[in-house]
Amino acid sequence: MTEQARREQAETDASAWLARLSGEHVVEQDGHAFEAWLAADPENRPAYERALAPWHEFEIRAETVLEELTALDRRRAMRARSRWSGWMAGGGVAVAAAAALVILPPSLREAPAQTYQTARAQHQKIKLADGSTIDMDAETRLTVRISGGRRQVALANGQAIFNVIHDPSRPFTVEAAGREIRDVGTQFEVRDRQDGLTVTVAQGRVEVRPGASGSGQTYLLTPGERLAIGQGGAEAVRLVDPQETFSWRSGRLVYRNQPLQDVVADLNREFAQQIDIGDPALARIPITGVIVLDDPHAVATRLSLMLPVKAVPSAQGLTLIRK
């Protein structure tokens, strides 16, 4: 294929991708296929950016245009000399406004902020208008705001995995624990719990920097890296297996030398029936292993095989005591 033919093919494919990602039935596989297409040929990314340019130009001017149309409508209404001229003025503005709404793709229209919350033992998958998805763990609360120029998530507390349709012209940011996590890639997890904030990257890159009122360093994380920020402010980056971190989506929790008290805290978010630790000394015992989240009694039995503990019935559910 000649160089000219490659460029023409990239332009054609870019238009097709723009239409596909602006549709109402975008799924996670579309995002992966899109990223693969971008990486397949150096011509593809600039071709897609050129295809996006007219929409972004409209986004920049849309609010001003609509304000001017509204103001014009008011002035015409005030100066109306006849029903006919008044009808024509109002009709002209309505047609122009309707045209503006038709031109703007569904995925780029500004929508009001939406808040999502999961209860104990509940998970939820959210599909955003741009095709990105969010997997929410139990006891998680977040707010999503998508506008023409940016995509913002505020994580009040909890844990979520973000699969982002990358768009350099519309940043995707997550605010959590006084930090701003900015997507420079496609898949990452943010966890904000009582023990601190962690950001784990599976694909692409993620920038973590202090929020407007926060402090600390700026980090650029790559696949397999996790930034942990403790409640005391200590910051550390280490290598991890992201699939272990994300395993809660498939009903498993993976631990490497984690204290029992942290494990129980996680379990109590996943089950309605609660587990407590009867002996404070047991809380510090480290655990390494995989816990399947099928049933609290079965989980307690597995813990008794891994640790010197046993489970007894309690008012809330189960209590772990020393064997």
Protein backbone atom coordinates (compact mmCIF):
# COMPACT_ATOMS: atom_id res chain seq x y z
CA MET A 1 0.00 0.00 0.00
CA THR A 2 1.37 3.42 -0.97
CA GLU A 3 1.89 6.20 1.56
CA GLN A 4 -1.03 8.14 0.09
CA ALA A 5 -3.27 5.08 0.25
CA ARG A 6 -2.31 4.53 3.92
CA ARG A 7 -3.25 8.11 4.78
CA GLU A 8 -6.57 7.84 2.96
CA GLN A 9 -7.35 4.55 4.68
CA ALA A 10 -6.49 6.11 8.06
CA GLU A 11 -8.87 9.02 7.35
CA THR A 12 -11.67 6.61 6.42
CA ASP A 13 -11.09 4.43 9.49
CA ALA A 14 -10.90 7.50 11.76
CA SER A 15 -14.34 8.68 10.62
CA ALA A 16 -15.73 5.20 11.22
CA TRP A 17 -14.22 5.09 14.73
CA LEU A 18 -15.61 8.51 15.58
CA ALA A 19 -19.10 7.34 14.62
CA ARG A 20 -18.65 4.05 16.49
CA LEU A 21 -17.44 5.64 19.74
CA SER A 22 -20.20 8.26 19.61
CA GLY A 23 -22.90 5.60 19.51
CA GLU A 24 -25.13 4.50 22.36
CA HIS A 25 -23.92 0.89 22.55
CA VAL A 26 -20.16 1.23 23.08
CA VAL A 27 -18.69 -1.62 25.15
CA GLU A 28 -15.33 -2.24 26.78
CA GLN A 29 -14.17 -4.38 23.83
CA ASP A 30 -14.64 -1.34 21.57
CA GLY A 31 -12.16 0.57 23.69
CA HIS A 32 -9.56 -2.20 23.44
CA ALA A 33 -10.09 -2.46 19.68
CA PHE A 34 -9.77 1.31 19.32
CA GLU A 35 -6.47 1.35 21.23
CA ALA A 36 -5.21 -1.49 19.03
CA TRP A 37 -6.18 0.45 15.91
CA LEU A 38 -4.35 3.57 17.15
CA ALA A 39 -1.20 1.52 17.74
CA ALA A 40 -1.42 -0.35 14.43
CA ASP A 41 -0.20 2.51 12.22
CA PRO A 42 1.46 5.89 12.99
CA GLU A 43 -1.04 7.53 10.61
CA ASN A 44 -4.05 6.49 12.69
CA ARG A 45 -3.74 8.74 15.75
CA PRO A 46 -3.25 12.03 13.82
CA ALA A 47 -6.08 11.00 11.47
CA TYR A 48 -8.42 10.49 14.43
CA GLU A 49 -7.39 13.84 15.95
CA ARG A 50 -8.18 15.54 12.64
CA ALA A 51 -11.59 13.83 12.59
CA LEU A 52 -12.28 15.08 16.11
CA ALA A 53 -11.18 18.66 15.42
CA PRO A 54 -14.54 19.97 14.03
CA TRP A 55 -16.43 18.60 17.05
CA HIS A 56 -14.01 20.17 19.51
CA GLU A 57 -14.23 23.48 17.64
CA PHE A 58 -17.99 23.34 18.02
CA GLU A 59 -17.68 22.42 21.72
CA ILE A 60 -15.51 25.47 22.35
CA ARG A 61 -17.98 27.79 20.66
CA ALA A 62 -21.28 26.04 21.46
CA GLU A 63 -21.99 27.72 24.79
CA THR A 64 -21.24 31.20 23.42
CA VAL A 65 -23.34 30.59 20.32
CA LEU A 66 -26.32 29.38 22.33
CA GLU A 67 -26.02 32.35 24.72
CA GLU A 68 -25.97 34.74 21.78
CA LEU A 69 -28.99 33.01 20.26
CA THR A 70 -30.89 33.30 23.55
CA ALA A 71 -29.99 36.99 23.89
CA LEU A 72 -31.02 37.58 20.29
CA ASP A 73 -34.31 35.84 20.97
CA ARG A 74 -34.98 38.17 23.93
CA ARG A 75 -34.15 41.30 21.97
CA ARG A 76 -36.36 40.25 19.09
CA ALA A 77 -39.21 39.39 21.45
CA MET A 78 -38.96 42.81 23.11
CA ARG A 79 -38.95 44.58 19.74
CA ALA A 80 -41.65 42.40 18.22
CA ARG A 81 -43.93 44.51 16.00
CA SER A 82 -46.23 41.80 14.92
CA ARG A 83 -47.16 38.22 15.65
CA TRP A 84 -45.64 37.21 12.36
CA SER A 85 -42.22 38.77 13.08
CA GLY A 86 -42.30 37.44 16.63
CA TRP A 87 -43.10 33.95 15.37
CA MET A 88 -40.37 34.12 12.78
CA ALA A 89 -37.78 35.26 15.32
CA GLY A 90 -38.68 32.59 17.83
CA GLY A 91 -38.83 29.95 15.11
CA GLY A 92 -35.47 30.97 13.71
CA VAL A 93 -33.80 30.65 17.11
CA ALA A 94 -35.51 27.35 17.79
CA VAL A 95 -34.29 25.97 14.46
CA ALA A 96 -30.73 27.20 15.10
CA ALA A 97 -30.70 25.77 18.61
CA ALA A 98 -32.10 22.48 17.38
CA ALA A 99 -29.43 22.34 14.69
CA ALA A 100 -26.75 22.89 17.33
CA LEU A 101 -28.11 20.01 19.36
CA VAL A 102 -28.18 17.74 16.35
CA ILE A 103 -24.60 18.58 15.37
CA LEU A 104 -23.12 17.72 18.76
CA PRO A 105 -22.50 13.95 19.12
CA PRO A 106 -24.27 12.26 22.08
CA SER A 107 -20.96 11.32 23.74
CA LEU A 108 -19.82 14.96 23.81
CA ARG A 109 -22.93 16.68 25.15
CA GLU A 110 -22.64 18.08 28.64
CA ALA A 111 -24.63 16.09 31.18
CA PRO A 112 -25.42 16.90 34.81
CA ALA A 113 -23.24 15.37 37.49
CA GLN A 114 -24.33 11.88 38.53
CA THR A 115 -23.56 10.23 41.85
CA TYR A 116 -23.27 6.45 42.23
CA GLN A 117 -23.05 4.52 45.48
CA THR A 118 -22.71 0.84 46.33
CA ALA A 119 -23.77 -0.73 49.60
CA ARG A 120 -22.12 -3.51 51.55
CA ALA A 121 -21.85 -6.71 49.48
CA GLN A 122 -22.76 -4.81 46.29
CA HIS A 123 -20.70 -4.21 43.14
CA GLN A 124 -21.73 -2.02 40.21
CA LYS A 125 -20.45 -1.48 36.66
CA ILE A 126 -21.02 1.97 35.16
CA LYS A 127 -20.80 2.70 31.44
CA LEU A 128 -20.11 6.36 30.70
CA ALA A 129 -21.30 8.27 27.66
CA ASP A 130 -17.81 8.30 26.12
CA GLY A 131 -17.54 4.50 26.26
CA SER A 132 -15.35 4.38 29.37
CA THR A 133 -16.41 2.04 32.18
CA ILE A 134 -16.06 2.08 35.97
CA ASP A 135 -16.22 -1.06 38.14
CA MET A 136 -17.22 -0.07 41.68
CA ASP A 137 -16.35 -2.22 44.67
CA ALA A 138 -18.63 -2.52 47.70
CA GLU A 139 -19.15 0.55 49.92
CA THR A 140 -17.95 2.99 47.29
CA ARG A 141 -19.30 6.44 46.44
CA LEU A 142 -18.31 8.57 43.45
CA THR A 143 -19.63 11.41 41.31
CA VAL A 144 -19.18 11.66 37.54
CA ARG A 145 -19.29 14.86 35.51
CA ILE A 146 -18.75 14.79 31.73
CA SER A 147 -18.64 18.02 29.73
CA GLY A 148 -17.47 18.97 26.28
CA GLY A 149 -13.87 19.60 27.35
CA ARG A 150 -13.25 17.28 30.29
CA ARG A 151 -14.29 14.13 32.12
CA GLN A 152 -14.16 14.23 35.92
CA VAL A 153 -14.78 11.69 38.68
CA ALA A 154 -14.75 12.54 42.37
CA LEU A 155 -14.18 9.44 44.52
CA ALA A 156 -15.54 10.26 47.97
CA ASN A 157 -14.50 6.90 49.38
CA GLY A 158 -14.11 3.32 48.23
CA GLN A 159 -12.44 1.46 45.41
CA ALA A 160 -13.00 1.44 41.65
CA ILE A 161 -11.33 0.25 38.44
CA PHE A 162 -11.37 2.65 35.49
CA ASN A 163 -11.24 1.49 31.86
CA VAL A 164 -10.84 4.75 29.99
CA ILE A 165 -11.37 5.51 26.31
CA HIS A 166 -8.31 7.69 25.84
CA ASP A 167 -8.91 11.14 24.36
CA PRO A 168 -5.99 13.61 24.69
CA SER A 169 -8.31 16.58 24.07
CA ARG A 170 -10.67 15.62 26.91
CA PRO A 171 -8.70 14.69 30.03
CA PHE A 172 -10.10 12.00 32.34
CA THR A 173 -9.34 12.83 35.98
CA VAL A 174 -10.20 11.23 39.30
CA GLU A 175 -10.09 13.28 42.50
CA ALA A 176 -9.50 11.28 45.67
CA ALA A 177 -7.96 12.00 49.08
CA GLY A 178 -6.64 15.41 48.01
CA ARG A 179 -4.96 14.04 44.88
CA GLU A 180 -5.77 14.31 41.20
CA ILE A 181 -5.28 11.15 39.15
CA ARG A 182 -5.06 11.95 35.45
CA ASP A 183 -5.43 9.27 32.79
CA VAL A 184 -2.63 9.11 30.27
CA GLY A 185 -3.56 5.51 29.38
CA THR A 186 -6.47 3.11 29.65
CA GLN A 187 -6.82 1.00 32.81
CA PHE A 188 -6.11 1.78 36.45
CA GLU A 189 -7.57 1.35 39.93
CA VAL A 190 -8.03 3.95 42.66
CA ARG A 191 -8.60 2.84 46.24
CA ASP A 192 -9.41 5.33 49.01
CA ARG A 193 -10.01 3.55 52.28
CA GLN A 194 -9.22 4.15 55.95
CA ASP A 195 -5.65 2.92 55.53
CA GLY A 196 -4.89 5.47 52.78
CA LEU A 197 -4.93 5.97 49.04
CA THR A 198 -3.50 3.61 46.41
CA VAL A 199 -3.37 3.98 42.62
CA THR A 200 -2.51 0.88 40.57
CA VAL A 201 -1.92 0.92 36.81
CA ALA A 202 -2.60 -2.06 34.52
CA GLN A 203 -2.37 -0.42 31.08
CA GLY A 204 -1.03 2.86 29.75
CA ARG A 205 0.14 5.60 32.10
CA VAL A 206 -1.45 7.57 34.95
CA GLU A 207 -0.29 10.86 36.44
CA VAL A 208 -0.95 11.45 40.14
CA ARG A 209 -0.44 14.96 41.45
CA PRO A 210 -1.58 17.06 44.41
CA GLY A 211 -5.09 18.45 44.15
CA ALA A 212 -5.93 22.14 44.43
CA SER A 213 -5.69 22.07 48.23
CA GLY A 214 -3.34 19.08 48.58
CA SER A 215 0.41 18.58 48.86
CA GLY A 216 2.97 15.99 47.86
CA GLN A 217 4.91 14.94 44.78
CA THR A 218 3.74 14.29 41.23
CA TYR A 219 4.13 10.74 39.92
CA LEU A 220 3.85 9.22 36.46
CA LEU A 221 2.90 5.57 36.93
CA THR A 222 3.36 2.88 34.29
CA PRO A 223 1.87 -0.65 34.05
CA GLY A 224 2.61 -2.78 37.10
CA GLU A 225 3.28 0.18 39.41
CA ARG A 226 1.31 1.13 42.50
CA LEU A 227 1.53 4.38 44.42
CA ALA A 228 0.55 4.05 48.07
CA ILE A 229 -0.08 7.14 50.20
CA GLY A 230 -0.65 6.40 53.88
CA GLN A 231 -2.83 8.37 56.25
CA GLY A 232 0.33 9.93 57.68
CA GLY A 233 1.36 11.18 54.24
CA ALA A 234 4.10 8.62 53.53
CA GLU A 235 4.39 7.95 49.78
CA ALA A 236 5.88 4.89 48.08
CA VAL A 237 5.84 3.35 44.60
CA ARG A 238 6.35 -0.39 44.15
CA LEU A 239 5.84 -3.08 41.54
CA VAL A 240 2.72 -5.25 41.78
CA ASP A 241 0.67 -7.63 39.66
CA PRO A 242 -2.33 -5.50 38.59
CA GLN A 243 -4.46 -8.57 37.94
CA GLU A 244 -4.09 -9.55 41.58
CA THR A 245 -5.19 -6.06 42.58
CA PHE A 246 -8.18 -6.19 40.23
CA SER A 247 -9.19 -9.73 41.23
CA TRP A 248 -12.08 -8.52 43.43
CA ARG A 249 -14.08 -8.06 40.21
CA SER A 250 -14.05 -11.84 39.72
CA GLY A 251 -14.84 -12.67 43.36
CA ARG A 252 -11.31 -13.21 44.69
CA LEU A 253 -9.04 -11.28 47.04
CA VAL A 254 -5.28 -11.78 46.79
CA TYR A 255 -3.01 -10.95 49.73
CA ARG A 256 0.73 -10.88 50.21
CA ASN A 257 1.80 -10.53 53.81
CA GLN A 258 -1.25 -8.45 54.77
CA PRO A 259 -2.40 -8.29 58.43
CA LEU A 260 -5.58 -10.15 59.30
CA GLN A 261 -7.31 -6.94 60.37
CA ASP A 262 -7.01 -5.54 56.81
CA VAL A 263 -8.31 -8.79 55.34
CA VAL A 264 -11.32 -8.80 57.66
CA ALA A 265 -12.06 -5.16 56.81
CA ASP A 266 -12.18 -6.10 53.12
CA LEU A 267 -14.36 -9.14 53.80
CA ASN A 268 -16.84 -7.08 55.79
CA ARG A 269 -17.41 -4.88 52.76
CA GLU A 270 -18.10 -7.90 50.58
CA PHE A 271 -20.56 -9.74 52.87
CA ALA A 272 -23.71 -8.68 54.66
CA GLN A 273 -22.79 -11.06 57.49
CA GLN A 274 -19.94 -9.49 59.44
CA ILE A 275 -16.72 -10.95 60.84
CA ASP A 276 -14.89 -9.56 63.84
CA ILE A 277 -11.63 -10.48 65.56
CA GLY A 278 -12.02 -11.55 69.15
CA ASP A 279 -8.33 -11.36 70.11
CA PRO A 280 -6.47 -8.10 69.24
CA ALA A 281 -3.20 -10.03 68.94
CA LEU A 282 -4.68 -12.01 66.03
CA ALA A 283 -5.33 -8.81 64.08
CA ARG A 284 -1.62 -8.41 63.33
CA ILE A 285 -1.03 -11.93 61.95
CA PRO A 286 0.04 -11.66 58.28
CA ILE A 287 -1.75 -13.52 55.50
CA THR A 288 -0.50 -14.56 52.09
CA GLY A 289 -2.96 -16.32 49.81
CA VAL A 290 -6.11 -16.15 47.72
CA ILE A 291 -9.56 -15.87 49.32
CA VAL A 292 -12.60 -16.81 47.24
CA LEU A 293 -15.61 -14.64 48.08
CA ASP A 294 -18.33 -17.28 47.98
CA ASP A 295 -19.71 -17.48 51.53
CA PRO A 296 -18.58 -15.98 54.89
CA HIS A 297 -18.66 -19.39 56.62
CA ALA A 298 -16.58 -20.97 53.85
CA VAL A 299 -14.16 -18.04 54.01
CA ALA A 300 -13.81 -18.44 57.78
CA THR A 301 -13.09 -22.14 57.30
CA ARG A 302 -10.32 -21.34 54.82
CA LEU A 303 -8.86 -18.78 57.21
CA SER A 304 -8.74 -21.45 59.92
CA LEU A 305 -6.63 -23.59 57.57
CA MET A 306 -4.21 -20.74 56.94
CA LEU A 307 -3.99 -19.28 60.46
CA PRO A 308 -4.24 -20.39 64.09
CA VAL A 309 -7.85 -19.17 64.29
CA LYS A 310 -11.34 -20.59 64.34
CA ALA A 311 -14.75 -18.99 63.80
CA VAL A 312 -17.58 -19.00 66.33
CA PRO A 313 -21.08 -17.52 65.90
CA SER A 314 -21.63 -13.95 67.11
CA ALA A 315 -24.48 -11.44 67.18
CA GLN A 316 -23.28 -9.85 63.92
CA GLY A 317 -22.17 -13.03 62.24
CA LEU A 318 -18.81 -14.64 63.07
CA THR A 319 -15.98 -13.97 65.51
CA LEU A 320 -12.42 -15.19 64.93
CA ILE A 321 -10.69 -16.48 68.05
CA ARG A 322 -7.43 -18.28 68.65
CA LYS A 323 -7.52 -22.07 68.26
